[in-house]
Amino acid sequence: MESRNNGRKIRAYRKLKGYTQEEFAKEIGMSVSVLGEVERGNRLATDSMIEKMTSVLQVPKHDLIPDERLSIWR
């Protein structure tokens, strides 16, 4: 369930910033199929994926990841 909610957040921010899945995947160096799995909640984004996503989307990490994972970043 948690991964599904995180994936929805990632998709929402991607769309808010005007990226298609293809454009966003290219920007973060990920395949479209992996990005799709992350957005659907079938795969958890790794810490390096989150780092790239937050950089490209220009959002704070806590907007994309749950509080319990955020403690790793502190």
N, C-alpha and C. Protein backbone atom coordinates (compact mmCIF):
# COMPACT_ATOMS: atom_id res chain seq x y z
N MET A 1 0.83 -1.20 0.00
CA MET A 1 0.00 0.00 0.00
C MET A 1 0.87 1.26 0.00
N GLU A 2 1.90 1.24 0.84
CA GLU A 2 2.79 2.40 0.93
C GLU A 2 3.43 2.72 -0.41
N SER A 3 3.91 1.70 -1.12
CA SER A 3 4.55 1.93 -2.40
C SER A 3 3.56 2.48 -3.43
N ARG A 4 2.30 2.08 -3.32
CA ARG A 4 1.28 2.59 -4.24
C ARG A 4 1.06 4.09 -4.01
N ASN A 5 0.99 4.49 -2.74
CA ASN A 5 0.82 5.91 -2.42
C ASN A 5 2.02 6.73 -2.86
N ASN A 6 3.23 6.18 -2.65
CA ASN A 6 4.43 6.89 -3.08
C ASN A 6 4.46 7.03 -4.59
N GLY A 7 4.07 5.98 -5.28
CA GLY A 7 4.03 6.02 -6.74
C GLY A 7 3.05 7.06 -7.25
N ARG A 8 1.93 7.18 -6.57
CA ARG A 8 0.93 8.18 -6.96
C ARG A 8 1.48 9.59 -6.76
N LYS A 9 2.23 9.78 -5.68
CA LYS A 9 2.84 11.09 -5.43
C LYS A 9 3.83 11.43 -6.53
N ILE A 10 4.65 10.46 -6.89
CA ILE A 10 5.66 10.68 -7.93
C ILE A 10 4.97 11.03 -9.25
N ARG A 11 3.94 10.26 -9.61
CA ARG A 11 3.20 10.53 -10.85
C ARG A 11 2.55 11.92 -10.81
N ALA A 12 1.96 12.27 -9.67
CA ALA A 12 1.29 13.56 -9.56
C ALA A 12 2.29 14.71 -9.73
N TYR A 13 3.43 14.62 -9.09
CA TYR A 13 4.44 15.68 -9.24
C TYR A 13 5.00 15.72 -10.66
N ARG A 14 5.20 14.54 -11.26
CA ARG A 14 5.70 14.49 -12.64
C ARG A 14 4.74 15.23 -13.56
N LYS A 15 3.46 14.93 -13.43
CA LYS A 15 2.45 15.58 -14.28
C LYS A 15 2.33 17.07 -13.97
N LEU A 16 2.40 17.42 -12.69
CA LEU A 16 2.33 18.83 -12.29
C LEU A 16 3.45 19.64 -12.93
N LYS A 17 4.62 19.03 -13.05
CA LYS A 17 5.78 19.71 -13.65
C LYS A 17 5.79 19.60 -15.17
N GLY A 18 4.81 18.91 -15.74
CA GLY A 18 4.65 18.87 -17.19
C GLY A 18 5.46 17.82 -17.92
N TYR A 19 5.93 16.81 -17.21
CA TYR A 19 6.72 15.75 -17.85
C TYR A 19 5.83 14.59 -18.26
N THR A 20 6.08 14.04 -19.45
CA THR A 20 5.49 12.76 -19.81
C THR A 20 6.33 11.69 -19.12
N GLN A 21 5.83 10.48 -19.08
CA GLN A 21 6.63 9.39 -18.50
C GLN A 21 7.95 9.23 -19.25
N GLU A 22 7.89 9.31 -20.56
CA GLU A 22 9.08 9.14 -21.39
C GLU A 22 10.11 10.23 -21.09
N GLU A 23 9.66 11.48 -21.04
CA GLU A 23 10.58 12.59 -20.77
C GLU A 23 11.20 12.49 -19.39
N PHE A 24 10.37 12.17 -18.40
CA PHE A 24 10.85 12.08 -17.03
C PHE A 24 11.83 10.92 -16.86
N ALA A 25 11.49 9.78 -17.44
CA ALA A 25 12.38 8.62 -17.36
C ALA A 25 13.75 8.95 -17.96
N LYS A 26 13.75 9.63 -19.07
CA LYS A 26 15.02 10.02 -19.71
C LYS A 26 15.81 10.98 -18.82
N GLU A 27 15.13 11.94 -18.22
CA GLU A 27 15.79 12.92 -17.35
C GLU A 27 16.46 12.27 -16.14
N ILE A 28 15.84 11.23 -15.62
CA ILE A 28 16.39 10.60 -14.41
C ILE A 28 17.19 9.34 -14.72
N GLY A 29 17.34 9.02 -16.00
CA GLY A 29 18.17 7.88 -16.40
C GLY A 29 17.55 6.53 -16.05
N MET A 30 16.26 6.42 -16.27
CA MET A 30 15.53 5.21 -15.92
C MET A 30 14.70 4.79 -17.13
N SER A 31 14.44 3.51 -17.25
CA SER A 31 13.58 3.07 -18.34
C SER A 31 12.14 3.43 -18.03
N VAL A 32 11.36 3.60 -19.07
CA VAL A 32 9.95 3.93 -18.92
C VAL A 32 9.22 2.80 -18.19
N SER A 33 9.60 1.58 -18.46
CA SER A 33 8.92 0.46 -17.82
C SER A 33 9.17 0.43 -16.31
N VAL A 34 10.38 0.75 -15.88
CA VAL A 34 10.68 0.79 -14.44
C VAL A 34 9.93 1.95 -13.79
N LEU A 35 9.94 3.11 -14.44
CA LEU A 35 9.21 4.26 -13.91
C LEU A 35 7.72 3.92 -13.78
N GLY A 36 7.17 3.26 -14.77
CA GLY A 36 5.77 2.86 -14.71
C GLY A 36 5.49 1.94 -13.53
N GLU A 37 6.40 1.00 -13.27
CA GLU A 37 6.25 0.11 -12.13
C GLU A 37 6.28 0.87 -10.82
N VAL A 38 7.18 1.85 -10.72
CA VAL A 38 7.27 2.67 -9.51
C VAL A 38 5.98 3.47 -9.33
N GLU A 39 5.51 4.09 -10.39
CA GLU A 39 4.30 4.91 -10.30
C GLU A 39 3.06 4.08 -9.97
N ARG A 40 3.02 2.84 -10.42
CA ARG A 40 1.87 1.96 -10.12
C ARG A 40 2.01 1.32 -8.74
N GLY A 41 3.16 1.47 -8.10
CA GLY A 41 3.36 0.89 -6.79
C GLY A 41 3.80 -0.56 -6.80
N ASN A 42 4.21 -1.05 -7.96
CA ASN A 42 4.69 -2.42 -8.07
C ASN A 42 6.17 -2.56 -7.73
N ARG A 43 6.85 -1.43 -7.62
CA ARG A 43 8.28 -1.42 -7.30
C ARG A 43 8.55 -0.18 -6.45
N LEU A 44 9.38 -0.36 -5.42
CA LEU A 44 9.79 0.78 -4.61
C LEU A 44 10.93 1.50 -5.29
N ALA A 45 10.90 2.80 -5.26
CA ALA A 45 12.01 3.59 -5.78
C ALA A 45 13.18 3.48 -4.82
N THR A 46 14.37 3.31 -5.37
CA THR A 46 15.57 3.26 -4.54
C THR A 46 15.92 4.67 -4.08
N ASP A 47 16.82 4.75 -3.13
CA ASP A 47 17.25 6.06 -2.65
C ASP A 47 17.87 6.89 -3.77
N SER A 48 18.65 6.25 -4.64
CA SER A 48 19.25 7.00 -5.74
C SER A 48 18.20 7.48 -6.74
N MET A 49 17.16 6.68 -6.95
CA MET A 49 16.05 7.11 -7.82
C MET A 49 15.36 8.34 -7.23
N ILE A 50 15.09 8.28 -5.92
CA ILE A 50 14.42 9.39 -5.24
C ILE A 50 15.28 10.65 -5.33
N GLU A 51 16.58 10.50 -5.16
CA GLU A 51 17.50 11.63 -5.24
C GLU A 51 17.40 12.31 -6.62
N LYS A 52 17.41 11.51 -7.67
CA LYS A 52 17.32 12.04 -9.03
C LYS A 52 15.95 12.68 -9.28
N MET A 53 14.89 12.02 -8.81
CA MET A 53 13.54 12.54 -9.01
C MET A 53 13.35 13.89 -8.33
N THR A 54 13.81 14.00 -7.08
CA THR A 54 13.63 15.26 -6.36
C THR A 54 14.44 16.37 -7.01
N SER A 55 15.60 16.03 -7.55
CA SER A 55 16.42 17.02 -8.22
C SER A 55 15.74 17.55 -9.49
N VAL A 56 15.24 16.64 -10.30
CA VAL A 56 14.59 17.03 -11.55
C VAL A 56 13.27 17.75 -11.29
N LEU A 57 12.49 17.24 -10.35
CA LEU A 57 11.19 17.84 -10.07
C LEU A 57 11.28 19.08 -9.18
N GLN A 58 12.43 19.27 -8.56
CA GLN A 58 12.65 20.41 -7.67
C GLN A 58 11.63 20.43 -6.54
N VAL A 59 11.53 19.28 -5.88
CA VAL A 59 10.66 19.15 -4.71
C VAL A 59 11.49 18.56 -3.57
N PRO A 60 11.12 18.84 -2.33
CA PRO A 60 11.84 18.25 -1.21
C PRO A 60 11.59 16.75 -1.11
N LYS A 61 12.56 16.04 -0.59
CA LYS A 61 12.46 14.58 -0.48
C LYS A 61 11.22 14.14 0.29
N HIS A 62 10.88 14.88 1.34
CA HIS A 62 9.73 14.46 2.15
C HIS A 62 8.42 14.51 1.40
N ASP A 63 8.39 15.19 0.25
CA ASP A 63 7.17 15.19 -0.57
C ASP A 63 6.99 13.87 -1.34
N LEU A 64 8.09 13.15 -1.55
CA LEU A 64 8.02 11.91 -2.34
C LEU A 64 8.13 10.64 -1.53
N ILE A 65 8.72 10.71 -0.34
CA ILE A 65 8.93 9.49 0.43
C ILE A 65 8.30 9.60 1.81
N PRO A 66 7.92 8.47 2.38
CA PRO A 66 7.27 8.49 3.69
C PRO A 66 8.24 8.87 4.80
N ASP A 67 7.70 9.30 5.91
CA ASP A 67 8.51 9.74 7.04
C ASP A 67 9.50 8.69 7.52
N GLU A 68 9.10 7.43 7.56
CA GLU A 68 10.00 6.40 8.06
C GLU A 68 11.23 6.20 7.17
N ARG A 69 11.10 6.42 5.89
CA ARG A 69 12.27 6.34 5.00
C ARG A 69 13.05 7.64 5.03
N LEU A 70 12.39 8.74 5.33
CA LEU A 70 13.04 10.03 5.35
C LEU A 70 14.12 10.07 6.43
N SER A 71 13.95 9.34 7.51
CA SER A 71 14.95 9.35 8.59
C SER A 71 16.31 8.89 8.10
N ILE A 72 16.35 8.10 7.04
CA ILE A 72 17.62 7.65 6.45
C ILE A 72 18.39 8.83 5.88
N TRP A 73 17.68 9.81 5.37
CA TRP A 73 18.30 10.94 4.68
C TRP A 73 18.87 11.98 5.65
N ARG A 74 18.46 11.93 6.89
CA ARG A 74 18.87 12.96 7.84
C ARG A 74 20.25 12.70 8.38
